[in-house]
Amino acid sequence: MTFSFTVLGCNAAIPANNRNLSAHLLNADERLFLIDCGEGTQFQLRKFHISLQRIRHILISHLHGDHFFGLIGLLNSMHLLGRKEDLHVYGPPMLQEIIRIQLEVSMTILNYHLHFHSLMMEDYNLLFDDAKLSLHSFPLKHTIPTCGFVFREKNPPRKILHPRSFAYCSDTGYFEQMTPWISGVSLLYHEATFMQSLAKAANDKLHSTAAEAATIASKAGVKKLMVGHFSARYEDLEPLLQEAMAVFPETILAEEGKEFNM
């Protein structure tokens, strides 16, 4: 059973330094979950040879533009390419009305059925559950209501000794309350917008530093940490990696197009 994570965009706020905006793909037994959909996501999907039509679920963590401005374009491209399969979109309640207005003003009637699922932004909630996988959302600490997501494998193949799991936390300030929800995951993706030298800016904007992301990983007992959502001010990301590794050695950088197999 495939259980892998691919970064499509890892920059914060604006595309810069040859880095694109937030978008990520989890492949759980060839079921594709798109996590966030910043501007340009469909170009990244094509660049890395990922079929738009294989995506069955789209998760939008919050309504800052760098996390969802690419959604309507992706939905429309799926329509124009003749999609017939149902699509499930999970997001903040207002997102449903945003999509409705965009489709209405463009006089677009989708060829496929779009199921919208409103996230409960303040609680730990089950979003998806079947014989092989569970998916929960949980609240983060940001300037607007924001959710993280955690995927946990069930009944793994015999050659896999332990069920695999993945947690996604972007955007958020330092928030220890999340640690029970992400405890022990195989891979944690956690935003690291700033370095510790800009801790005040991180705190003011409710983002995290690389050191804070690593501290969360350590407290949650995760196996591996991937830091991403980098400020455009950082052209060279190596210092952020070194800052995180000083706290949590099992840290890697988000690299666009690279598939991480768990």
Protein backbone atom coordinates (compact mmCIF):
# COMPACT_ATOMS: atom_id res chain seq x y z
CA MET A 1 0.00 0.00 0.00
CA THR A 2 1.41 3.35 -1.05
CA PHE A 3 1.64 5.96 1.69
CA SER A 4 3.55 8.97 0.40
CA PHE A 5 3.64 12.76 0.57
CA THR A 6 4.62 15.15 -2.21
CA VAL A 7 5.21 18.89 -1.84
CA LEU A 8 3.86 20.94 -4.75
CA GLY A 9 4.47 24.37 -3.21
CA CYS A 10 6.32 25.39 -0.05
CA ASN A 11 6.47 29.19 0.00
CA ALA A 12 4.45 31.53 2.22
CA ALA A 13 2.30 34.46 1.04
CA ILE A 14 3.81 34.99 -2.42
CA PRO A 15 5.70 32.80 -4.91
CA ALA A 16 9.39 33.65 -4.79
CA ASN A 17 12.88 32.15 -5.09
CA ASN A 18 11.55 29.53 -7.52
CA ARG A 19 9.19 28.30 -4.82
CA ASN A 20 5.43 28.06 -5.31
CA LEU A 21 2.52 28.54 -2.92
CA SER A 22 1.10 25.99 -0.50
CA ALA A 23 -0.08 22.76 -2.09
CA HIS A 24 0.65 19.17 -1.12
CA LEU A 25 -0.44 15.69 -2.11
CA LEU A 26 -0.93 12.63 0.08
CA ASN A 27 -1.19 9.29 -1.71
CA ALA A 28 -2.86 6.70 0.50
CA ASP A 29 -3.17 3.43 -1.41
CA GLU A 30 -3.52 5.34 -4.72
CA ARG A 31 -6.24 7.58 -3.28
CA LEU A 32 -5.04 11.13 -3.77
CA PHE A 33 -5.74 13.87 -1.21
CA LEU A 34 -4.76 17.40 -2.24
CA ILE A 35 -3.95 19.49 0.84
CA ASP A 36 -4.29 23.22 0.20
CA CYS A 37 -4.39 24.72 -3.27
CA GLY A 38 -2.47 27.95 -3.66
CA GLU A 39 -2.31 29.85 -6.93
CA GLY A 40 -0.57 27.79 -9.63
CA THR A 41 -1.29 24.39 -8.11
CA GLN A 42 -2.60 22.90 -11.33
CA PHE A 43 0.63 23.90 -13.10
CA GLN A 44 2.60 22.10 -10.39
CA LEU A 45 0.43 18.99 -10.74
CA ARG A 46 1.17 18.92 -14.46
CA LYS A 47 4.87 19.65 -13.93
CA PHE A 48 5.22 16.64 -11.66
CA HIS A 49 3.02 14.40 -13.84
CA ILE A 50 0.14 14.02 -11.40
CA SER A 51 -3.27 13.58 -13.02
CA LEU A 52 -5.84 16.15 -11.92
CA GLN A 53 -8.61 13.63 -12.40
CA ARG A 54 -7.13 11.13 -9.94
CA ILE A 55 -7.69 13.54 -7.05
CA ARG A 56 -10.81 12.57 -5.10
CA HIS A 57 -10.46 14.77 -2.00
CA ILE A 58 -9.28 18.38 -1.56
CA LEU A 59 -8.58 19.80 1.92
CA ILE A 60 -8.36 23.57 2.45
CA SER A 61 -6.86 24.48 5.81
CA HIS A 62 -7.99 28.13 5.91
CA LEU A 63 -9.01 31.07 3.76
CA HIS A 64 -5.76 32.95 3.29
CA GLY A 65 -5.19 33.30 -0.43
CA ASP A 66 -1.90 31.44 -0.61
CA HIS A 67 -3.79 28.34 0.49
CA PHE A 68 -6.87 28.40 -1.75
CA PHE A 69 -6.67 30.91 -4.63
CA GLY A 70 -5.83 28.06 -7.01
CA LEU A 71 -8.94 26.06 -6.17
CA ILE A 72 -11.51 27.51 -8.58
CA GLY A 73 -9.07 27.20 -11.48
CA LEU A 74 -8.43 23.57 -10.63
CA LEU A 75 -12.14 22.80 -10.32
CA ASN A 76 -12.78 24.45 -13.67
CA SER A 77 -9.95 22.58 -15.38
CA MET A 78 -11.32 19.29 -14.09
CA HIS A 79 -14.67 20.31 -15.61
CA LEU A 80 -13.20 21.32 -18.98
CA LEU A 81 -11.26 18.06 -19.16
CA GLY A 82 -14.51 16.11 -18.83
CA ARG A 83 -14.40 14.89 -15.27
CA LYS A 84 -17.36 12.72 -14.27
CA GLU A 85 -16.23 11.31 -10.91
CA ASP A 86 -17.48 12.93 -7.69
CA LEU A 87 -15.09 15.29 -5.90
CA HIS A 88 -15.05 15.97 -2.16
CA VAL A 89 -13.89 19.38 -0.91
CA TYR A 90 -13.32 20.01 2.81
CA GLY A 91 -12.87 23.57 4.01
CA PRO A 92 -14.03 26.44 6.23
CA PRO A 93 -17.81 26.99 5.94
CA MET A 94 -17.47 30.22 3.92
CA LEU A 95 -15.58 28.40 1.18
CA GLN A 96 -18.75 26.77 -0.10
CA GLU A 97 -20.32 30.18 -0.79
CA ILE A 98 -17.11 31.44 -2.42
CA ILE A 99 -17.11 28.50 -4.83
CA ARG A 100 -20.84 28.93 -5.53
CA ILE A 101 -20.40 32.60 -6.44
CA GLN A 102 -17.40 31.92 -8.66
CA LEU A 103 -19.25 29.24 -10.57
CA GLU A 104 -22.41 31.35 -10.80
CA VAL A 105 -20.78 34.50 -12.19
CA SER A 106 -18.89 32.44 -14.78
CA MET A 107 -22.12 30.57 -15.67
CA THR A 108 -20.37 27.25 -15.07
CA ILE A 109 -22.30 24.08 -14.29
CA LEU A 110 -19.79 21.41 -13.39
CA ASN A 111 -19.91 18.08 -15.23
CA TYR A 112 -19.27 16.30 -11.95
CA HIS A 113 -20.84 16.37 -8.52
CA LEU A 114 -19.00 18.50 -5.95
CA HIS A 115 -19.55 17.42 -2.34
CA PHE A 116 -18.65 20.16 0.12
CA HIS A 117 -17.83 19.29 3.72
CA SER A 118 -17.64 22.14 6.23
CA LEU A 119 -14.78 21.87 8.70
CA MET A 120 -15.52 22.27 12.38
CA MET A 121 -12.77 24.80 13.03
CA GLU A 122 -12.57 24.52 16.84
CA ASP A 123 -12.60 20.78 17.54
CA TYR A 124 -10.89 17.48 16.71
CA ASN A 125 -13.19 15.92 14.12
CA LEU A 126 -13.38 12.82 11.96
CA LEU A 127 -13.57 13.71 8.24
CA PHE A 128 -13.00 10.40 6.50
CA ASP A 129 -12.92 6.80 7.65
CA ASP A 130 -12.81 3.45 5.89
CA ALA A 131 -11.15 0.08 6.33
CA LYS A 132 -7.70 1.43 5.45
CA LEU A 133 -7.52 5.06 6.56
CA SER A 134 -8.85 7.64 9.00
CA LEU A 135 -8.59 11.40 8.54
CA HIS A 136 -9.20 13.99 11.28
CA SER A 137 -9.04 17.77 11.37
CA PHE A 138 -7.97 19.80 14.40
CA PRO A 139 -7.65 23.52 15.24
CA LEU A 140 -4.43 25.48 14.87
CA LYS A 141 -3.43 28.89 16.21
CA HIS A 142 -3.55 31.49 13.45
CA THR A 143 -4.98 34.91 12.64
CA ILE A 144 -8.12 33.36 11.13
CA PRO A 145 -9.73 29.96 11.86
CA THR A 146 -7.33 27.30 10.57
CA CYS A 147 -7.26 23.51 10.66
CA GLY A 148 -4.53 20.93 10.61
CA PHE A 149 -5.06 17.39 9.37
CA VAL A 150 -3.87 13.98 10.49
CA PHE A 151 -4.05 10.77 8.43
CA ARG A 152 -3.63 7.41 10.11
CA GLU A 153 -3.34 4.11 8.27
CA LYS A 154 -5.34 1.10 9.42
CA ASN A 155 -4.59 -2.57 8.71
CA PRO A 156 -1.24 -2.01 6.97
CA PRO A 157 0.27 -4.69 4.69
CA ARG A 158 2.10 -7.50 6.51
CA LYS A 159 5.52 -6.22 5.46
CA ILE A 160 4.78 -2.90 7.20
CA LEU A 161 5.45 -3.39 10.92
CA HIS A 162 3.60 -0.31 12.14
CA PRO A 163 0.66 1.67 10.71
CA ARG A 164 1.90 4.79 8.96
CA SER A 165 0.61 8.28 9.65
CA PHE A 166 1.00 11.86 8.50
CA ALA A 167 0.10 15.23 10.05
CA TYR A 168 -0.11 18.62 8.34
CA CYS A 169 0.19 21.84 10.33
CA SER A 170 0.19 25.08 8.34
CA ASP A 171 -0.36 27.93 9.21
CA THR A 172 0.05 28.21 12.97
CA GLY A 173 1.87 29.91 15.77
CA TYR A 174 3.55 27.80 18.42
CA PHE A 175 0.71 25.64 19.75
CA GLU A 176 1.54 22.80 22.14
CA GLN A 177 -2.13 21.87 22.47
CA MET A 178 -1.90 20.08 19.11
CA THR A 179 0.61 17.49 20.31
CA PRO A 180 -1.90 14.83 21.47
CA TRP A 181 -3.56 14.90 18.04
CA ILE A 182 -0.33 14.39 16.09
CA SER A 183 1.44 12.15 18.59
CA GLY A 184 3.87 9.65 17.09
CA VAL A 185 3.13 10.29 13.43
CA SER A 186 5.53 8.93 10.82
CA LEU A 187 5.90 12.37 9.21
CA LEU A 188 4.90 15.80 10.46
CA TYR A 189 4.75 18.69 8.01
CA HIS A 190 4.94 21.86 10.09
CA GLU A 191 5.26 25.43 8.92
CA ALA A 192 8.55 27.21 9.61
CA THR A 193 7.92 30.63 8.12
CA PHE A 194 10.70 32.37 10.04
CA MET A 195 13.95 31.73 11.87
CA GLN A 196 14.26 32.33 15.60
CA SER A 197 15.91 35.70 14.98
CA LEU A 198 12.46 36.86 13.84
CA ALA A 199 10.55 35.21 16.68
CA LYS A 200 8.69 38.43 17.45
CA ALA A 201 7.42 38.69 13.86
CA ALA A 202 6.39 35.05 14.00
CA ASN A 203 4.51 35.61 17.24
CA ASP A 204 2.82 38.77 15.97
CA LYS A 205 1.64 37.04 12.77
CA LEU A 206 0.89 33.71 14.49
CA HIS A 207 3.43 31.80 12.46
CA SER A 208 6.19 29.52 13.71
CA THR A 209 9.96 29.57 13.62
CA ALA A 210 12.01 26.57 12.54
CA ALA A 211 13.05 26.00 16.15
CA GLU A 212 9.43 26.11 17.33
CA ALA A 213 8.36 23.59 14.65
CA ALA A 214 11.15 21.30 15.84
CA THR A 215 10.07 21.71 19.47
CA ILE A 216 6.54 20.62 18.56
CA ALA A 217 7.95 17.60 16.72
CA SER A 218 10.00 16.66 19.77
CA LYS A 219 7.12 17.06 22.22
CA ALA A 220 4.78 15.05 19.98
CA GLY A 221 7.29 12.23 19.56
CA VAL A 222 7.04 12.16 15.77
CA LYS A 223 9.41 10.05 13.67
CA LYS A 224 10.32 12.69 11.06
CA LEU A 225 9.73 16.43 10.66
CA MET A 226 9.44 18.28 7.37
CA VAL A 227 9.52 22.07 7.60
CA GLY A 228 7.95 24.29 4.94
CA HIS A 229 5.89 27.43 4.23
CA PHE A 230 9.00 29.56 4.01
CA SER A 231 9.05 33.35 4.01
CA ALA A 232 10.13 34.88 0.70
CA ARG A 233 12.92 36.67 2.60
CA TYR A 234 14.87 33.38 2.74
CA GLU A 235 16.52 32.50 -0.54
CA ASP A 236 18.82 29.97 1.12
CA LEU A 237 16.87 27.52 3.28
CA GLU A 238 19.83 25.73 4.82
CA PRO A 239 19.91 27.99 7.93
CA LEU A 240 16.28 27.12 8.68
CA LEU A 241 17.10 23.43 8.37
CA GLN A 242 20.08 23.75 10.70
CA GLU A 243 18.02 25.68 13.26
CA ALA A 244 15.37 22.95 13.31
CA MET A 245 17.91 20.10 13.40
CA ALA A 246 19.57 21.60 16.46
CA VAL A 247 16.32 20.86 18.32
CA PHE A 248 15.04 17.84 16.39
CA PRO A 249 17.72 16.07 14.31
CA GLU A 250 15.26 14.07 12.20
CA THR A 251 14.26 17.13 10.16
CA ILE A 252 14.17 17.64 6.40
CA LEU A 253 13.24 20.56 4.18
CA ALA A 254 10.13 20.62 2.03
CA GLU A 255 11.34 20.15 -1.56
CA GLU A 256 8.88 20.74 -4.37
CA GLY A 257 8.28 17.65 -6.47
CA LYS A 258 10.07 15.23 -4.15
CA GLU A 259 8.00 12.28 -2.98
CA PHE A 260 8.52 11.17 0.63
CA ASN A 261 7.55 7.53 1.14
CA MET A 262 6.59 6.46 4.64
